[in-house]
Amino acid sequence: MEELDQLFAFFREIDKEKQIVRQTYISDAVRKENDAEHAWHAAIMAILLSDYANEKIDVLKTVTMLLIHDIVEIDAGDTYAYDEKAKQTQKQRETEAANRIFGMLPEEKRAWMRGLWEEFEERKTPEAKFARVMDNIQPMMLNAATNGLAWEEHQVHLEQILGRNKHTKDGSKQLWEYAFQKLITPYVENGTIK
């Protein structure tokens, strides 16, 4: 019973992820998405796009990474991809959050889940590289679907997008090429992205 109590306490805690609002609008632009919606969306994309990974991946492991990668934002808050000041303290804030939130789990599950979160952060394994592709392309797709609304609001420049995506091709060359051609280039051409 003690293990189940710990697990259900964790489940209640991660429900707070639904309250963390991101800067990306949902596709009809009526509101911004939350972290839980982002994780769910990226996980489904990973399942259906896994054939486009540069290397063979364990899809369940990749999906699990995506479902947990932003749990730390319950404590650390969402760090906008192009907020250079907030990114200076992001690692420290997120590590402290990981200690607390994953620390709620029973020891074996804590080590496994914390390990997957760290693997995602390190971007070295095929699964982590591909999960990062989904984490980057999902908001890019939504920005394109809303005619670049969040990009325009934050005055995002092409150099910033290219910098954030400098490793996206490491997980999937095909998806990076697709994203660049279909999700970025039209918004450079129409002046939304400077």
N, C-alpha and C. Protein backbone atom coordinates (compact mmCIF):
# COMPACT_ATOMS: atom_id res chain seq x y z
N MET A 1 0.82 -1.21 0.00
CA MET A 1 0.00 0.00 0.00
C MET A 1 0.85 1.26 0.00
N GLU A 2 1.99 1.22 0.67
CA GLU A 2 2.84 2.41 0.74
C GLU A 2 3.31 2.83 -0.66
N GLU A 3 3.70 1.84 -1.48
CA GLU A 3 4.14 2.17 -2.84
C GLU A 3 2.99 2.79 -3.64
N LEU A 4 1.80 2.24 -3.51
CA LEU A 4 0.65 2.80 -4.22
C LEU A 4 0.33 4.21 -3.73
N ASP A 5 0.46 4.44 -2.44
CA ASP A 5 0.26 5.80 -1.91
C ASP A 5 1.24 6.77 -2.55
N GLN A 6 2.50 6.35 -2.66
CA GLN A 6 3.53 7.20 -3.28
C GLN A 6 3.19 7.48 -4.75
N LEU A 7 2.81 6.43 -5.46
CA LEU A 7 2.49 6.59 -6.88
C LEU A 7 1.30 7.52 -7.08
N PHE A 8 0.26 7.35 -6.28
CA PHE A 8 -0.92 8.20 -6.46
C PHE A 8 -0.65 9.64 -6.01
N ALA A 9 0.24 9.84 -5.06
CA ALA A 9 0.66 11.19 -4.69
C ALA A 9 1.39 11.84 -5.88
N PHE A 10 2.22 11.06 -6.55
CA PHE A 10 2.93 11.55 -7.74
C PHE A 10 1.94 11.88 -8.85
N PHE A 11 0.96 11.00 -9.08
CA PHE A 11 -0.04 11.24 -10.12
C PHE A 11 -0.81 12.53 -9.86
N ARG A 12 -1.17 12.77 -8.60
CA ARG A 12 -1.87 14.01 -8.26
C ARG A 12 -0.96 15.22 -8.49
N GLU A 13 0.31 15.06 -8.15
CA GLU A 13 1.26 16.18 -8.31
C GLU A 13 1.45 16.54 -9.78
N ILE A 14 1.60 15.53 -10.64
CA ILE A 14 1.85 15.86 -12.05
C ILE A 14 0.61 16.39 -12.76
N ASP A 15 -0.55 16.29 -12.13
CA ASP A 15 -1.75 16.92 -12.69
C ASP A 15 -1.53 18.43 -12.82
N LYS A 16 -0.64 18.98 -12.01
CA LYS A 16 -0.33 20.42 -12.06
C LYS A 16 0.31 20.83 -13.38
N GLU A 17 0.82 19.85 -14.13
CA GLU A 17 1.43 20.17 -15.43
C GLU A 17 0.40 20.78 -16.38
N LYS A 18 -0.87 20.47 -16.16
CA LYS A 18 -1.94 21.01 -16.99
C LYS A 18 -2.11 22.52 -16.78
N GLN A 19 -1.53 23.05 -15.71
CA GLN A 19 -1.65 24.48 -15.40
C GLN A 19 -0.48 25.31 -15.92
N ILE A 20 0.54 24.65 -16.45
CA ILE A 20 1.72 25.37 -16.94
C ILE A 20 1.47 25.78 -18.39
N VAL A 21 1.25 27.07 -18.59
CA VAL A 21 0.92 27.59 -19.92
C VAL A 21 2.21 27.91 -20.67
N ARG A 22 2.25 27.46 -21.90
CA ARG A 22 3.40 27.70 -22.78
C ARG A 22 3.13 28.94 -23.63
N GLN A 23 4.09 29.30 -24.47
CA GLN A 23 3.93 30.47 -25.33
C GLN A 23 3.35 30.12 -26.70
N THR A 24 3.19 28.84 -26.98
CA THR A 24 2.69 28.39 -28.28
C THR A 24 1.16 28.30 -28.24
N TYR A 25 0.52 28.85 -29.26
CA TYR A 25 -0.93 28.76 -29.38
C TYR A 25 -1.34 27.41 -29.93
N ILE A 26 -2.53 26.93 -29.54
CA ILE A 26 -3.08 25.74 -30.18
C ILE A 26 -3.46 26.11 -31.61
N SER A 27 -3.74 25.12 -32.44
CA SER A 27 -3.85 25.34 -33.89
C SER A 27 -4.93 26.32 -34.32
N ASP A 28 -5.99 26.51 -33.52
CA ASP A 28 -7.00 27.49 -33.93
C ASP A 28 -6.74 28.87 -33.32
N ALA A 29 -5.63 29.00 -32.59
CA ALA A 29 -5.16 30.28 -32.04
C ALA A 29 -6.08 30.91 -31.00
N VAL A 30 -7.00 30.13 -30.41
CA VAL A 30 -7.90 30.71 -29.42
C VAL A 30 -7.26 30.83 -28.03
N ARG A 31 -6.22 30.02 -27.80
CA ARG A 31 -5.51 30.09 -26.52
C ARG A 31 -4.15 29.43 -26.68
N LYS A 32 -3.32 29.60 -25.66
CA LYS A 32 -2.01 28.95 -25.65
C LYS A 32 -2.15 27.55 -25.05
N GLU A 33 -1.30 26.64 -25.51
CA GLU A 33 -1.34 25.27 -25.01
C GLU A 33 -0.68 25.19 -23.63
N ASN A 34 -0.97 24.11 -22.91
CA ASN A 34 -0.28 23.87 -21.64
C ASN A 34 0.74 22.75 -21.83
N ASP A 35 1.57 22.56 -20.82
CA ASP A 35 2.65 21.56 -20.91
C ASP A 35 2.13 20.15 -21.15
N ALA A 36 1.03 19.79 -20.50
CA ALA A 36 0.51 18.43 -20.66
C ALA A 36 0.03 18.21 -22.10
N GLU A 37 -0.60 19.22 -22.67
CA GLU A 37 -1.05 19.12 -24.07
C GLU A 37 0.14 18.99 -25.00
N HIS A 38 1.17 19.76 -24.75
CA HIS A 38 2.39 19.70 -25.57
C HIS A 38 3.00 18.29 -25.51
N ALA A 39 3.12 17.74 -24.30
CA ALA A 39 3.73 16.42 -24.13
C ALA A 39 2.91 15.34 -24.85
N TRP A 40 1.59 15.39 -24.68
CA TRP A 40 0.71 14.43 -25.34
C TRP A 40 0.85 14.52 -26.87
N HIS A 41 0.83 15.74 -27.37
CA HIS A 41 0.89 15.95 -28.81
C HIS A 41 2.22 15.44 -29.38
N ALA A 42 3.32 15.79 -28.72
CA ALA A 42 4.65 15.36 -29.18
C ALA A 42 4.78 13.84 -29.10
N ALA A 43 4.17 13.22 -28.08
CA ALA A 43 4.25 11.76 -27.94
C ALA A 43 3.52 11.06 -29.09
N ILE A 44 2.35 11.55 -29.45
CA ILE A 44 1.62 10.95 -30.58
C ILE A 44 2.40 11.17 -31.89
N MET A 45 2.97 12.33 -32.04
CA MET A 45 3.79 12.59 -33.23
C MET A 45 4.95 11.59 -33.29
N ALA A 46 5.59 11.32 -32.15
CA ALA A 46 6.72 10.38 -32.13
C ALA A 46 6.29 8.98 -32.56
N ILE A 47 5.13 8.56 -32.13
CA ILE A 47 4.64 7.24 -32.52
C ILE A 47 4.48 7.16 -34.04
N LEU A 48 3.87 8.17 -34.62
CA LEU A 48 3.55 8.14 -36.05
C LEU A 48 4.72 8.53 -36.95
N LEU A 49 5.69 9.24 -36.41
CA LEU A 49 6.84 9.69 -37.21
C LEU A 49 8.11 8.91 -36.93
N SER A 50 8.04 7.88 -36.09
CA SER A 50 9.25 7.16 -35.67
C SER A 50 10.04 6.57 -36.83
N ASP A 51 9.39 6.26 -37.94
CA ASP A 51 10.10 5.74 -39.11
C ASP A 51 11.06 6.76 -39.71
N TYR A 52 10.92 8.01 -39.34
CA TYR A 52 11.77 9.07 -39.88
C TYR A 52 13.00 9.36 -39.01
N ALA A 53 13.17 8.61 -37.94
CA ALA A 53 14.36 8.78 -37.09
C ALA A 53 15.59 8.36 -37.88
N ASN A 54 16.69 9.05 -37.66
CA ASN A 54 17.95 8.69 -38.33
C ASN A 54 18.41 7.29 -37.96
N GLU A 55 18.15 6.89 -36.71
CA GLU A 55 18.57 5.58 -36.21
C GLU A 55 17.33 4.87 -35.67
N LYS A 56 17.41 3.55 -35.58
CA LYS A 56 16.30 2.79 -35.00
C LYS A 56 16.13 3.23 -33.55
N ILE A 57 14.88 3.44 -33.15
CA ILE A 57 14.61 3.87 -31.78
C ILE A 57 13.62 2.93 -31.10
N ASP A 58 13.69 2.91 -29.79
CA ASP A 58 12.69 2.26 -28.96
C ASP A 58 11.57 3.29 -28.81
N VAL A 59 10.46 3.07 -29.48
CA VAL A 59 9.38 4.06 -29.54
C VAL A 59 8.77 4.29 -28.15
N LEU A 60 8.55 3.23 -27.39
CA LEU A 60 7.96 3.39 -26.06
C LEU A 60 8.87 4.23 -25.16
N LYS A 61 10.15 4.00 -25.24
CA LYS A 61 11.11 4.79 -24.44
C LYS A 61 11.06 6.26 -24.87
N THR A 62 11.00 6.49 -26.16
CA THR A 62 10.94 7.86 -26.68
C THR A 62 9.65 8.55 -26.23
N VAL A 63 8.55 7.85 -26.34
CA VAL A 63 7.26 8.40 -25.92
C VAL A 63 7.27 8.71 -24.42
N THR A 64 7.84 7.81 -23.64
CA THR A 64 7.91 8.03 -22.19
C THR A 64 8.73 9.29 -21.89
N MET A 65 9.84 9.46 -22.58
CA MET A 65 10.64 10.68 -22.41
C MET A 65 9.81 11.92 -22.69
N LEU A 66 9.06 11.88 -23.77
CA LEU A 66 8.25 13.04 -24.14
C LEU A 66 7.14 13.31 -23.13
N LEU A 67 6.57 12.26 -22.59
CA LEU A 67 5.49 12.46 -21.62
C LEU A 67 5.99 13.04 -20.30
N ILE A 68 7.26 12.81 -19.97
CA ILE A 68 7.78 13.31 -18.69
C ILE A 68 8.72 14.50 -18.81
N HIS A 69 9.13 14.88 -20.02
CA HIS A 69 10.23 15.85 -20.14
C HIS A 69 9.94 17.21 -19.54
N ASP A 70 8.69 17.62 -19.49
CA ASP A 70 8.36 18.94 -18.94
C ASP A 70 7.71 18.89 -17.56
N ILE A 71 7.67 17.73 -16.93
CA ILE A 71 7.10 17.63 -15.58
C ILE A 71 7.80 18.59 -14.63
N VAL A 72 9.10 18.78 -14.83
CA VAL A 72 9.87 19.67 -13.95
C VAL A 72 9.36 21.11 -13.98
N GLU A 73 8.64 21.46 -15.03
CA GLU A 73 8.15 22.83 -15.14
C GLU A 73 7.03 23.13 -14.15
N ILE A 74 6.54 22.11 -13.46
CA ILE A 74 5.58 22.34 -12.37
C ILE A 74 6.22 23.28 -11.34
N ASP A 75 7.48 23.05 -11.04
CA ASP A 75 8.23 23.91 -10.12
C ASP A 75 9.03 24.99 -10.84
N ALA A 76 9.67 24.61 -11.94
CA ALA A 76 10.63 25.50 -12.61
C ALA A 76 9.95 26.51 -13.52
N GLY A 77 8.69 26.28 -13.89
CA GLY A 77 8.02 27.15 -14.84
C GLY A 77 8.49 26.85 -16.26
N ASP A 78 7.72 27.31 -17.22
CA ASP A 78 8.08 27.13 -18.63
C ASP A 78 9.13 28.16 -19.00
N THR A 79 10.21 27.71 -19.58
CA THR A 79 11.23 28.62 -20.08
C THR A 79 11.02 28.73 -21.59
N TYR A 80 10.63 29.92 -22.03
CA TYR A 80 10.36 30.11 -23.46
C TYR A 80 11.65 29.87 -24.25
N ALA A 81 11.51 29.18 -25.35
CA ALA A 81 12.65 28.75 -26.16
C ALA A 81 13.59 29.89 -26.54
N TYR A 82 13.07 31.10 -26.65
CA TYR A 82 13.91 32.21 -27.11
C TYR A 82 14.15 33.27 -26.03
N ASP A 83 13.95 32.89 -24.76
CA ASP A 83 14.18 33.79 -23.63
C ASP A 83 15.57 33.52 -23.08
N GLU A 84 16.55 34.25 -23.57
CA GLU A 84 17.95 34.00 -23.21
C GLU A 84 18.21 34.22 -21.72
N LYS A 85 17.57 35.20 -21.12
CA LYS A 85 17.78 35.47 -19.69
C LYS A 85 17.29 34.30 -18.84
N ALA A 86 16.09 33.83 -19.10
CA ALA A 86 15.53 32.71 -18.34
C ALA A 86 16.33 31.43 -18.55
N LYS A 87 16.90 31.25 -19.73
CA LYS A 87 17.67 30.04 -20.02
C LYS A 87 18.95 29.96 -19.17
N GLN A 88 19.41 31.11 -18.65
CA GLN A 88 20.62 31.10 -17.81
C GLN A 88 20.42 30.34 -16.51
N THR A 89 19.21 30.33 -15.99
CA THR A 89 18.93 29.63 -14.72
C THR A 89 18.09 28.36 -14.92
N GLN A 90 17.78 28.05 -16.15
CA GLN A 90 16.89 26.93 -16.44
C GLN A 90 17.41 25.60 -15.89
N LYS A 91 18.66 25.29 -16.15
CA LYS A 91 19.20 23.99 -15.72
C LYS A 91 19.11 23.84 -14.20
N GLN A 92 19.48 24.85 -13.47
CA GLN A 92 19.42 24.78 -12.00
C GLN A 92 17.98 24.62 -11.51
N ARG A 93 17.07 25.44 -12.06
CA ARG A 93 15.67 25.37 -11.64
C ARG A 93 15.08 24.00 -11.94
N GLU A 94 15.38 23.47 -13.12
CA GLU A 94 14.80 22.19 -13.51
C GLU A 94 15.41 21.02 -12.75
N THR A 95 16.70 21.10 -12.43
CA THR A 95 17.33 20.03 -11.64
C THR A 95 16.73 19.97 -10.24
N GLU A 96 16.55 21.12 -9.62
CA GLU A 96 15.92 21.17 -8.30
C GLU A 96 14.49 20.61 -8.36
N ALA A 97 13.78 20.95 -9.42
CA ALA A 97 12.42 20.44 -9.59
C ALA A 97 12.43 18.92 -9.79
N ALA A 98 13.37 18.42 -10.58
CA ALA A 98 13.47 16.98 -10.80
C ALA A 98 13.75 16.25 -9.49
N ASN A 99 14.61 16.83 -8.67
CA ASN A 99 14.91 16.22 -7.37
C ASN A 99 13.64 16.06 -6.54
N ARG A 100 12.83 17.10 -6.49
CA ARG A 100 11.62 17.05 -5.68
C ARG A 100 10.55 16.16 -6.29
N ILE A 101 10.23 16.40 -7.56
CA ILE A 101 9.08 15.72 -8.17
C ILE A 101 9.36 14.23 -8.38
N PHE A 102 10.48 13.88 -9.00
CA PHE A 102 10.79 12.46 -9.18
C PHE A 102 11.10 11.80 -7.83
N GLY A 103 11.54 12.61 -6.87
CA GLY A 103 11.80 12.11 -5.52
C GLY A 103 10.56 11.61 -4.80
N MET A 104 9.40 11.94 -5.32
CA MET A 104 8.14 11.45 -4.72
C MET A 104 7.90 9.98 -5.03
N LEU A 105 8.58 9.45 -6.04
CA LEU A 105 8.34 8.08 -6.51
C LEU A 105 9.07 7.05 -5.64
N PRO A 106 8.58 5.82 -5.63
CA PRO A 106 9.34 4.74 -5.00
C PRO A 106 10.71 4.62 -5.67
N GLU A 107 11.70 4.17 -4.92
CA GLU A 107 13.10 4.23 -5.35
C GLU A 107 13.36 3.70 -6.76
N GLU A 108 12.88 2.51 -7.09
CA GLU A 108 13.17 1.92 -8.40
C GLU A 108 12.56 2.76 -9.53
N LYS A 109 11.33 3.16 -9.36
CA LYS A 109 10.66 3.97 -10.38
C LYS A 109 11.27 5.36 -10.46
N ARG A 110 11.69 5.90 -9.31
CA ARG A 110 12.36 7.20 -9.27
C ARG A 110 13.63 7.16 -10.12
N ALA A 111 14.46 6.15 -9.93
CA ALA A 111 15.72 6.04 -10.66
C ALA A 111 15.47 5.89 -12.16
N TRP A 112 14.48 5.08 -12.52
CA TRP A 112 14.16 4.86 -13.93
C TRP A 112 13.66 6.14 -14.59
N MET A 113 12.69 6.79 -13.96
CA MET A 113 12.08 7.97 -14.57
C MET A 113 13.06 9.15 -14.58
N ARG A 114 13.79 9.35 -13.50
CA ARG A 114 14.79 10.42 -13.44
C ARG A 114 15.87 10.16 -14.50
N GLY A 115 16.24 8.90 -14.67
CA GLY A 115 17.22 8.54 -15.69
C GLY A 115 16.74 8.89 -17.09
N LEU A 116 15.48 8.63 -17.38
CA LEU A 116 14.93 8.99 -18.70
C LEU A 116 14.91 10.50 -18.89
N TRP A 117 14.56 11.23 -17.84
CA TRP A 117 14.55 12.70 -17.94
C TRP A 117 15.97 13.21 -18.22
N GLU A 118 16.96 12.68 -17.52
CA GLU A 118 18.35 13.10 -17.74
C GLU A 118 18.83 12.72 -19.14
N GLU A 119 18.43 11.54 -19.60
CA GLU A 119 18.79 11.10 -20.95
C GLU A 119 18.23 12.06 -21.99
N PHE A 120 16.99 12.48 -21.81
CA PHE A 120 16.38 13.46 -22.72
C PHE A 120 17.19 14.75 -22.71
N GLU A 121 17.56 15.21 -21.54
CA GLU A 121 18.31 16.46 -21.40
C GLU A 121 19.68 16.38 -22.06
N GLU A 122 20.32 15.21 -22.00
CA GLU A 122 21.67 15.05 -22.54
C GLU A 122 21.72 14.92 -24.06
N ARG A 123 20.62 14.49 -24.69
CA ARG A 123 20.51 14.40 -26.15
C ARG A 123 21.56 13.50 -26.81
N LYS A 124 21.94 12.42 -26.19
CA LYS A 124 23.01 11.59 -26.76
C LYS A 124 22.50 10.30 -27.40
N THR A 125 21.44 9.72 -26.87
CA THR A 125 20.95 8.44 -27.40
C THR A 125 20.02 8.70 -28.59
N PRO A 126 19.83 7.69 -29.44
CA PRO A 126 18.89 7.87 -30.56
C PRO A 126 17.50 8.30 -30.10
N GLU A 127 17.03 7.73 -28.98
CA GLU A 127 15.70 8.08 -28.46
C GLU A 127 15.64 9.54 -28.02
N ALA A 128 16.66 9.97 -27.30
CA ALA A 128 16.69 11.36 -26.83
C ALA A 128 16.79 12.33 -28.00
N LYS A 129 17.59 12.00 -28.98
CA LYS A 129 17.72 12.87 -30.15
C LYS A 129 16.38 12.99 -30.88
N PHE A 130 15.68 11.87 -31.02
CA PHE A 130 14.40 11.91 -31.73
C PHE A 130 13.34 12.60 -30.89
N ALA A 131 13.35 12.38 -29.60
CA ALA A 131 12.40 13.07 -28.72
C ALA A 131 12.60 14.58 -28.83
N ARG A 132 13.83 15.02 -28.93
CA ARG A 132 14.11 16.45 -29.09
C ARG A 132 13.57 16.98 -30.42
N VAL A 133 13.61 16.15 -31.45
CA VAL A 133 13.02 16.55 -32.74
C VAL A 133 11.55 16.86 -32.54
N MET A 134 10.84 15.96 -31.85
CA MET A 134 9.41 16.17 -31.61
C MET A 134 9.17 17.40 -30.74
N ASP A 135 10.00 17.58 -29.73
CA ASP A 135 9.87 18.72 -28.82
C ASP A 135 10.05 20.04 -29.57
N ASN A 136 10.87 20.05 -30.60
CA ASN A 136 11.10 21.27 -31.38
C ASN A 136 10.09 21.45 -32.51
N ILE A 137 9.74 20.37 -33.17
CA ILE A 137 8.87 20.48 -34.35
C ILE A 137 7.40 20.68 -33.97
N GLN A 138 6.98 20.13 -32.85
CA GLN A 138 5.57 20.29 -32.44
C GLN A 138 5.19 21.77 -32.30
N PRO A 139 5.96 22.58 -31.55
CA PRO A 139 5.59 24.00 -31.47
C PRO A 139 5.79 24.73 -32.80
N MET A 140 6.76 24.29 -33.57
CA MET A 140 6.99 24.89 -34.88
C MET A 140 5.76 24.68 -35.77
N MET A 141 5.21 23.47 -35.73
CA MET A 141 4.01 23.15 -36.50
C MET A 141 2.84 24.03 -36.06
N LEU A 142 2.68 24.21 -34.74
CA LEU A 142 1.58 25.04 -34.25
C LEU A 142 1.79 26.51 -34.59
N ASN A 143 3.04 26.97 -34.57
CA ASN A 143 3.31 28.34 -35.00
C ASN A 143 2.92 28.52 -36.46
N ALA A 144 3.26 27.54 -37.28
CA ALA A 144 2.89 27.63 -38.69
C ALA A 144 1.36 27.59 -38.86
N ALA A 145 0.69 26.76 -38.07
CA ALA A 145 -0.77 26.64 -38.16
C ALA A 145 -1.48 27.94 -37.77
N THR A 146 -0.83 28.76 -36.95
CA THR A 146 -1.43 30.02 -36.49
C THR A 146 -0.82 31.22 -37.21
N ASN A 147 -0.27 30.95 -38.38
CA ASN A 147 0.36 32.01 -39.19
C ASN A 147 1.45 32.74 -38.43
N GLY A 148 2.19 31.99 -37.61
CA GLY A 148 3.34 32.56 -36.91
C GLY A 148 2.98 33.48 -35.76
N LEU A 149 1.81 33.31 -35.17
CA LEU A 149 1.32 34.21 -34.14
C LEU A 149 2.31 34.40 -32.98
N ALA A 150 2.79 33.31 -32.38
CA ALA A 150 3.73 33.43 -31.25
C ALA A 150 5.08 33.96 -31.72
N TRP A 151 5.53 33.55 -32.91
CA TRP A 151 6.78 34.08 -33.43
C TRP A 151 6.68 35.60 -33.57
N GLU A 152 5.55 36.05 -34.09
CA GLU A 152 5.35 37.49 -34.29
C GLU A 152 5.26 38.22 -32.95
N GLU A 153 4.51 37.67 -32.00
CA GLU A 153 4.38 38.29 -30.68
C GLU A 153 5.73 38.49 -30.00
N HIS A 154 6.61 37.50 -30.16
CA HIS A 154 7.91 37.53 -29.49
C HIS A 154 9.03 38.04 -30.41
N GLN A 155 8.65 38.46 -31.60
CA GLN A 155 9.62 38.98 -32.57
C GLN A 155 10.81 38.03 -32.76
N VAL A 156 10.47 36.79 -33.02
CA VAL A 156 11.48 35.75 -33.20
C VAL A 156 12.13 35.91 -34.57
N HIS A 157 13.45 35.78 -34.59
CA HIS A 157 14.22 35.90 -35.83
C HIS A 157 14.65 34.52 -36.32
N LEU A 158 14.91 34.43 -37.60
CA LEU A 158 15.33 33.17 -38.21
C LEU A 158 16.56 32.60 -37.51
N GLU A 159 17.52 33.46 -37.18
CA GLU A 159 18.74 32.98 -36.53
C GLU A 159 18.42 32.27 -35.20
N GLN A 160 17.41 32.76 -34.49
CA GLN A 160 17.02 32.13 -33.23
C GLN A 160 16.43 30.74 -33.48
N ILE A 161 15.59 30.63 -34.48
CA ILE A 161 14.99 29.34 -34.81
C ILE A 161 16.05 28.35 -35.26
N LEU A 162 16.97 28.82 -36.09
CA LEU A 162 18.04 27.95 -36.57
C LEU A 162 18.96 27.54 -35.41
N GLY A 163 19.23 28.45 -34.50
CA GLY A 163 20.05 28.13 -33.34
C GLY A 163 19.40 27.08 -32.45
N ARG A 164 18.11 27.26 -32.19
CA ARG A 164 17.39 26.29 -31.36
C ARG A 164 17.36 24.92 -32.03
N ASN A 165 17.36 24.89 -33.33
CA ASN A 165 17.24 23.64 -34.08
C ASN A 165 18.55 23.14 -34.66
N LYS A 166 19.68 23.62 -34.14
CA LYS A 166 20.97 23.21 -34.71
C LYS A 166 21.23 21.71 -34.59
N HIS A 167 20.57 21.05 -33.64
CA HIS A 167 20.76 19.60 -33.48
C HIS A 167 19.55 18.78 -33.93
N THR A 168 18.52 19.44 -34.45
CA THR A 168 17.31 18.71 -34.84
C THR A 168 17.61 17.66 -35.90
N LYS A 169 18.49 17.99 -36.82
CA LYS A 169 18.85 17.04 -37.88
C LYS A 169 19.54 15.80 -37.33
N ASP A 170 20.12 15.90 -36.11
CA ASP A 170 20.78 14.74 -35.50
C ASP A 170 19.78 13.63 -35.18
N GLY A 171 18.53 13.99 -34.96
CA GLY A 171 17.49 13.00 -34.69
C GLY A 171 16.74 12.57 -35.92
N SER A 172 16.58 13.51 -36.88
CA SER A 172 15.89 13.19 -38.13
C SER A 172 16.21 14.24 -39.18
N LYS A 173 17.04 13.87 -40.12
CA LYS A 173 17.37 14.79 -41.22
C LYS A 173 16.12 15.08 -42.05
N GLN A 174 15.33 14.06 -42.31
CA GLN A 174 14.13 14.24 -43.15
C GLN A 174 13.13 15.19 -42.51
N LEU A 175 12.89 15.02 -41.21
CA LEU A 175 11.91 15.88 -40.55
C LEU A 175 12.42 17.30 -40.42
N TRP A 176 13.72 17.48 -40.22
CA TRP A 176 14.26 18.84 -40.17
C TRP A 176 14.11 19.51 -41.55
N GLU A 177 14.41 18.79 -42.62
CA GLU A 177 14.26 19.36 -43.96
C GLU A 177 12.80 19.71 -44.24
N TYR A 178 11.90 18.82 -43.85
CA TYR A 178 10.48 19.09 -44.04
C TYR A 178 10.08 20.34 -43.25
N ALA A 179 10.46 20.39 -41.99
CA ALA A 179 10.10 21.53 -41.13
C ALA A 179 10.65 22.83 -41.70
N PHE A 180 11.89 22.80 -42.16
CA PHE A 180 12.49 24.02 -42.69
C PHE A 180 11.74 24.50 -43.93
N GLN A 181 11.43 23.57 -44.82
CA GLN A 181 10.74 23.93 -46.06
C GLN A 181 9.29 24.34 -45.85
N LYS A 182 8.57 23.58 -45.02
CA LYS A 182 7.12 23.76 -44.91
C LYS A 182 6.68 24.62 -43.72
N LEU A 183 7.47 24.64 -42.64
CA LEU A 183 7.03 25.31 -41.42
C LEU A 183 7.79 26.60 -41.12
N ILE A 184 8.93 26.79 -41.77
CA ILE A 184 9.74 27.99 -41.51
C ILE A 184 9.81 28.90 -42.74
N THR A 185 10.25 28.35 -43.86
CA THR A 185 10.50 29.16 -45.05
C THR A 185 9.32 30.03 -45.47
N PRO A 186 8.08 29.53 -45.48
CA PRO A 186 6.97 30.41 -45.88
C PRO A 186 6.83 31.65 -44.98
N TYR A 187 7.22 31.52 -43.70
CA TYR A 187 7.07 32.63 -42.76
C TYR A 187 8.26 33.59 -42.81
N VAL A 188 9.35 33.11 -43.37
CA VAL A 188 10.46 34.01 -43.68
C VAL A 188 10.07 34.82 -44.92
N GLU A 189 9.53 34.11 -45.90
CA GLU A 189 9.15 34.76 -47.17
C GLU A 189 8.05 35.81 -46.99
N ASN A 190 7.11 35.58 -46.06
CA ASN A 190 6.03 36.57 -45.87
C ASN A 190 6.36 37.63 -44.82
N GLY A 191 7.56 37.53 -44.24
CA GLY A 191 8.02 38.55 -43.31
C GLY A 191 7.64 38.35 -41.84
N THR A 192 6.92 37.27 -41.53
CA THR A 192 6.56 36.99 -40.14
C THR A 192 7.82 36.71 -39.31
N ILE A 193 8.72 35.91 -39.89
CA ILE A 193 10.02 35.66 -39.27
C ILE A 193 11.03 36.57 -39.95
N LYS A 194 11.71 37.35 -39.18
CA LYS A 194 12.69 38.31 -39.73
C LYS A 194 14.04 37.65 -39.94
